[in-house]
Amino acid sequence: MRLVVIYKDQPEMMAHRALNEAAHFAYLDKHNDEIMIGGGLRNEPGADFVGSLWILEVTSFERAEELVQDDPYYVPGLRNYEILVWGKAGNREVVL
């Protein structure tokens, strides 16, 4: 099942990101078979991050929730998220 996770960060999240960056990237590497691609979102180039986006290939919504909540970047109150089913348009071949 392919899902998208859209994160929205509070401004205070930037400090948490800085303190937990190495652990977060290690977590992404450890789960690269399920977290297909991801990255931070900004309102404009060079601005602070305002959120993130992940594309997951997982067996269930429950597994997606586990991945989100076990990530060192996840802090309730500083980072909210939404998990949505994602399907690609048309018959184009897409490799992630």
N, C-alpha and C. Protein backbone atom coordinates (compact mmCIF):
# COMPACT_ATOMS: atom_id res chain seq x y z
N MET A 1 0.85 -1.16 0.00
CA MET A 1 0.00 0.00 0.00
C MET A 1 0.90 1.23 0.00
N ARG A 2 0.66 2.12 -0.94
CA ARG A 2 1.46 3.35 -1.02
C ARG A 2 0.70 4.48 -0.33
N LEU A 3 1.37 5.09 0.63
CA LEU A 3 0.78 6.17 1.41
C LEU A 3 1.69 7.39 1.40
N VAL A 4 1.09 8.54 1.61
CA VAL A 4 1.83 9.79 1.75
C VAL A 4 1.61 10.30 3.17
N VAL A 5 2.69 10.74 3.80
CA VAL A 5 2.59 11.39 5.11
C VAL A 5 2.97 12.85 4.91
N ILE A 6 2.07 13.73 5.31
CA ILE A 6 2.33 15.16 5.23
C ILE A 6 2.43 15.67 6.67
N TYR A 7 3.61 16.20 6.98
CA TYR A 7 3.87 16.73 8.32
C TYR A 7 3.75 18.24 8.29
N LYS A 8 3.20 18.81 9.36
CA LYS A 8 3.18 20.26 9.55
C LYS A 8 3.84 20.54 10.89
N ASP A 9 4.90 21.35 10.84
CA ASP A 9 5.70 21.63 12.03
C ASP A 9 5.36 22.99 12.63
N GLN A 10 5.46 23.06 13.94
CA GLN A 10 5.41 24.32 14.66
C GLN A 10 6.81 24.95 14.56
N PRO A 11 6.93 26.26 14.68
CA PRO A 11 8.25 26.90 14.58
C PRO A 11 9.28 26.32 15.56
N GLU A 12 8.85 25.90 16.73
CA GLU A 12 9.77 25.34 17.73
C GLU A 12 10.39 24.02 17.28
N MET A 13 9.87 23.43 16.24
CA MET A 13 10.39 22.15 15.73
C MET A 13 11.81 22.29 15.18
N MET A 14 12.19 23.48 14.73
CA MET A 14 13.53 23.67 14.16
C MET A 14 14.62 23.30 15.17
N ALA A 15 14.46 23.65 16.42
CA ALA A 15 15.46 23.31 17.44
C ALA A 15 15.50 21.80 17.65
N HIS A 16 14.34 21.17 17.66
CA HIS A 16 14.29 19.71 17.82
C HIS A 16 14.95 19.02 16.64
N ARG A 17 14.72 19.53 15.44
CA ARG A 17 15.36 18.98 14.24
C ARG A 17 16.89 19.01 14.40
N ALA A 18 17.40 20.15 14.81
CA ALA A 18 18.85 20.31 14.93
C ALA A 18 19.44 19.31 15.92
N LEU A 19 18.76 19.07 17.02
CA LEU A 19 19.27 18.15 18.05
C LEU A 19 19.16 16.68 17.65
N ASN A 20 18.23 16.35 16.76
CA ASN A 20 17.93 14.95 16.44
C ASN A 20 18.20 14.57 14.99
N GLU A 21 18.91 15.41 14.26
CA GLU A 21 19.13 15.18 12.84
C GLU A 21 19.83 13.85 12.55
N ALA A 22 20.91 13.55 13.25
CA ALA A 22 21.66 12.31 12.99
C ALA A 22 20.79 11.08 13.26
N ALA A 23 20.06 11.09 14.35
CA ALA A 23 19.19 9.95 14.68
C ALA A 23 18.07 9.81 13.66
N HIS A 24 17.52 10.93 13.20
CA HIS A 24 16.46 10.91 12.18
C HIS A 24 16.96 10.29 10.88
N PHE A 25 18.14 10.73 10.41
CA PHE A 25 18.65 10.19 9.16
C PHE A 25 19.03 8.72 9.30
N ALA A 26 19.52 8.31 10.45
CA ALA A 26 19.79 6.88 10.69
C ALA A 26 18.49 6.09 10.65
N TYR A 27 17.43 6.65 11.19
CA TYR A 27 16.11 6.01 11.17
C TYR A 27 15.61 5.85 9.74
N LEU A 28 15.76 6.90 8.92
CA LEU A 28 15.35 6.81 7.51
C LEU A 28 16.14 5.73 6.79
N ASP A 29 17.45 5.66 7.02
CA ASP A 29 18.28 4.63 6.39
C ASP A 29 17.85 3.23 6.82
N LYS A 30 17.55 3.06 8.10
CA LYS A 30 17.15 1.76 8.63
C LYS A 30 15.84 1.27 8.00
N HIS A 31 14.95 2.20 7.66
CA HIS A 31 13.62 1.85 7.14
C HIS A 31 13.46 2.22 5.66
N ASN A 32 14.56 2.22 4.91
CA ASN A 32 14.49 2.66 3.51
C ASN A 32 13.71 1.71 2.62
N ASP A 33 13.36 0.53 3.11
CA ASP A 33 12.51 -0.37 2.34
C ASP A 33 11.04 0.01 2.45
N GLU A 34 10.69 0.87 3.43
CA GLU A 34 9.31 1.30 3.61
C GLU A 34 9.15 2.81 3.41
N ILE A 35 10.14 3.58 3.82
CA ILE A 35 10.12 5.03 3.61
C ILE A 35 10.86 5.26 2.29
N MET A 36 10.10 5.33 1.20
CA MET A 36 10.68 5.33 -0.14
C MET A 36 11.40 6.63 -0.46
N ILE A 37 10.82 7.72 -0.05
CA ILE A 37 11.42 9.03 -0.29
C ILE A 37 10.80 10.01 0.71
N GLY A 38 11.55 11.01 1.06
CA GLY A 38 11.04 12.00 1.99
C GLY A 38 11.91 13.23 1.96
N GLY A 39 11.42 14.28 2.56
CA GLY A 39 12.20 15.50 2.63
C GLY A 39 11.44 16.62 3.29
N GLY A 40 12.20 17.63 3.69
CA GLY A 40 11.62 18.79 4.36
C GLY A 40 10.91 19.72 3.39
N LEU A 41 9.93 20.43 3.91
CA LEU A 41 9.15 21.40 3.14
C LEU A 41 9.39 22.79 3.70
N ARG A 42 9.53 23.75 2.80
CA ARG A 42 9.75 25.15 3.17
C ARG A 42 8.78 26.02 2.37
N ASN A 43 8.51 27.20 2.89
CA ASN A 43 7.66 28.15 2.16
C ASN A 43 8.40 28.81 1.01
N GLU A 44 9.73 28.89 1.12
CA GLU A 44 10.56 29.45 0.06
C GLU A 44 11.98 28.94 0.26
N PRO A 45 12.80 28.96 -0.80
CA PRO A 45 14.18 28.46 -0.66
C PRO A 45 14.93 29.16 0.46
N GLY A 46 15.61 28.37 1.27
CA GLY A 46 16.42 28.89 2.35
C GLY A 46 15.68 29.21 3.63
N ALA A 47 14.36 29.18 3.60
CA ALA A 47 13.56 29.46 4.80
C ALA A 47 13.61 28.26 5.74
N ASP A 48 13.16 28.46 6.97
CA ASP A 48 13.05 27.36 7.92
C ASP A 48 12.07 26.32 7.39
N PHE A 49 12.26 25.08 7.81
CA PHE A 49 11.32 24.03 7.45
C PHE A 49 9.98 24.28 8.14
N VAL A 50 8.91 24.02 7.41
CA VAL A 50 7.56 24.14 7.96
C VAL A 50 6.86 22.79 8.04
N GLY A 51 7.54 21.76 7.55
CA GLY A 51 6.98 20.42 7.56
C GLY A 51 7.85 19.48 6.74
N SER A 52 7.27 18.33 6.43
CA SER A 52 7.97 17.32 5.64
C SER A 52 6.96 16.49 4.88
N LEU A 53 7.48 15.68 3.97
CA LEU A 53 6.65 14.77 3.19
C LEU A 53 7.38 13.45 3.09
N TRP A 54 6.66 12.36 3.32
CA TRP A 54 7.18 11.01 3.09
C TRP A 54 6.27 10.29 2.12
N ILE A 55 6.85 9.45 1.29
CA ILE A 55 6.09 8.47 0.52
C ILE A 55 6.49 7.11 1.05
N LEU A 56 5.49 6.37 1.50
CA LEU A 56 5.71 5.07 2.12
C LEU A 56 5.17 3.95 1.25
N GLU A 57 5.81 2.80 1.33
CA GLU A 57 5.29 1.55 0.78
C GLU A 57 5.22 0.59 1.96
N VAL A 58 4.01 0.44 2.52
CA VAL A 58 3.83 -0.32 3.76
C VAL A 58 2.66 -1.29 3.62
N THR A 59 2.54 -2.17 4.60
CA THR A 59 1.48 -3.18 4.57
C THR A 59 0.14 -2.68 5.11
N SER A 60 0.17 -1.57 5.90
CA SER A 60 -1.06 -1.11 6.53
C SER A 60 -0.91 0.32 7.04
N PHE A 61 -2.07 0.93 7.34
CA PHE A 61 -2.06 2.24 7.99
C PHE A 61 -1.40 2.14 9.37
N GLU A 62 -1.62 1.04 10.04
CA GLU A 62 -1.02 0.86 11.37
C GLU A 62 0.50 0.90 11.29
N ARG A 63 1.06 0.26 10.26
CA ARG A 63 2.52 0.29 10.10
C ARG A 63 2.99 1.71 9.81
N ALA A 64 2.25 2.45 9.01
CA ALA A 64 2.61 3.84 8.74
C ALA A 64 2.62 4.65 10.04
N GLU A 65 1.62 4.46 10.88
CA GLU A 65 1.57 5.15 12.18
C GLU A 65 2.79 4.80 13.02
N GLU A 66 3.18 3.53 13.03
CA GLU A 66 4.37 3.12 13.79
C GLU A 66 5.62 3.84 13.29
N LEU A 67 5.78 3.87 11.98
CA LEU A 67 6.96 4.53 11.41
C LEU A 67 6.99 6.01 11.79
N VAL A 68 5.86 6.67 11.70
CA VAL A 68 5.78 8.10 12.03
C VAL A 68 6.12 8.31 13.50
N GLN A 69 5.48 7.56 14.37
CA GLN A 69 5.61 7.82 15.81
C GLN A 69 6.93 7.35 16.40
N ASP A 70 7.63 6.45 15.72
CA ASP A 70 8.93 5.99 16.20
C ASP A 70 10.09 6.85 15.68
N ASP A 71 9.82 7.72 14.73
CA ASP A 71 10.86 8.60 14.17
C ASP A 71 11.36 9.57 15.23
N PRO A 72 12.67 9.72 15.38
CA PRO A 72 13.20 10.68 16.36
C PRO A 72 12.72 12.12 16.15
N TYR A 73 12.27 12.47 14.96
CA TYR A 73 11.75 13.81 14.72
C TYR A 73 10.32 14.00 15.24
N TYR A 74 9.61 12.91 15.51
CA TYR A 74 8.21 13.06 15.89
C TYR A 74 8.07 13.52 17.34
N VAL A 75 7.39 14.64 17.54
CA VAL A 75 7.08 15.15 18.87
C VAL A 75 5.63 15.66 18.83
N PRO A 76 4.72 14.98 19.54
CA PRO A 76 3.34 15.50 19.57
C PRO A 76 3.34 16.96 20.06
N GLY A 77 2.56 17.77 19.38
CA GLY A 77 2.51 19.19 19.74
C GLY A 77 3.43 20.06 18.91
N LEU A 78 4.58 19.50 18.51
CA LEU A 78 5.49 20.24 17.63
C LEU A 78 5.33 19.82 16.18
N ARG A 79 4.85 18.62 15.97
CA ARG A 79 4.74 18.07 14.61
C ARG A 79 3.43 17.32 14.49
N ASN A 80 2.55 17.82 13.63
CA ASN A 80 1.30 17.13 13.32
C ASN A 80 1.46 16.44 11.97
N TYR A 81 0.65 15.43 11.72
CA TYR A 81 0.76 14.73 10.45
C TYR A 81 -0.60 14.21 9.99
N GLU A 82 -0.64 13.93 8.70
CA GLU A 82 -1.80 13.33 8.05
C GLU A 82 -1.28 12.22 7.15
N ILE A 83 -1.94 11.07 7.18
CA ILE A 83 -1.58 9.95 6.32
C ILE A 83 -2.69 9.76 5.31
N LEU A 84 -2.30 9.75 4.03
CA LEU A 84 -3.26 9.63 2.93
C LEU A 84 -2.83 8.53 1.98
N VAL A 85 -3.80 7.88 1.36
CA VAL A 85 -3.51 6.92 0.30
C VAL A 85 -3.11 7.71 -0.93
N TRP A 86 -2.07 7.23 -1.63
CA TRP A 86 -1.59 7.92 -2.81
C TRP A 86 -1.56 6.96 -3.99
N GLY A 87 -2.10 7.42 -5.11
CA GLY A 87 -2.03 6.67 -6.35
C GLY A 87 -1.53 7.58 -7.45
N LYS A 88 -0.72 7.03 -8.33
CA LYS A 88 -0.18 7.85 -9.40
C LYS A 88 -1.19 7.95 -10.54
N ALA A 89 -1.08 9.03 -11.29
CA ALA A 89 -1.98 9.26 -12.42
C ALA A 89 -1.45 8.58 -13.67
N GLY A 90 -2.35 8.08 -14.49
CA GLY A 90 -1.98 7.51 -15.78
C GLY A 90 -1.22 6.20 -15.67
N ASN A 91 -0.67 5.79 -16.80
CA ASN A 91 0.05 4.51 -16.89
C ASN A 91 1.55 4.70 -16.97
N ARG A 92 2.05 5.83 -16.55
CA ARG A 92 3.48 6.07 -16.60
C ARG A 92 4.22 5.21 -15.61
N GLU A 93 5.38 4.74 -16.01
CA GLU A 93 6.25 3.98 -15.12
C GLU A 93 6.91 4.94 -14.14
N VAL A 94 6.81 4.66 -12.86
CA VAL A 94 7.41 5.49 -11.83
C VAL A 94 8.30 4.61 -10.98
N VAL A 95 9.53 5.04 -10.82
CA VAL A 95 10.47 4.31 -9.98
C VAL A 95 10.87 5.22 -8.82
N LEU A 96 10.66 4.74 -7.62
CA LEU A 96 11.06 5.51 -6.44
C LEU A 96 12.23 4.85 -5.78
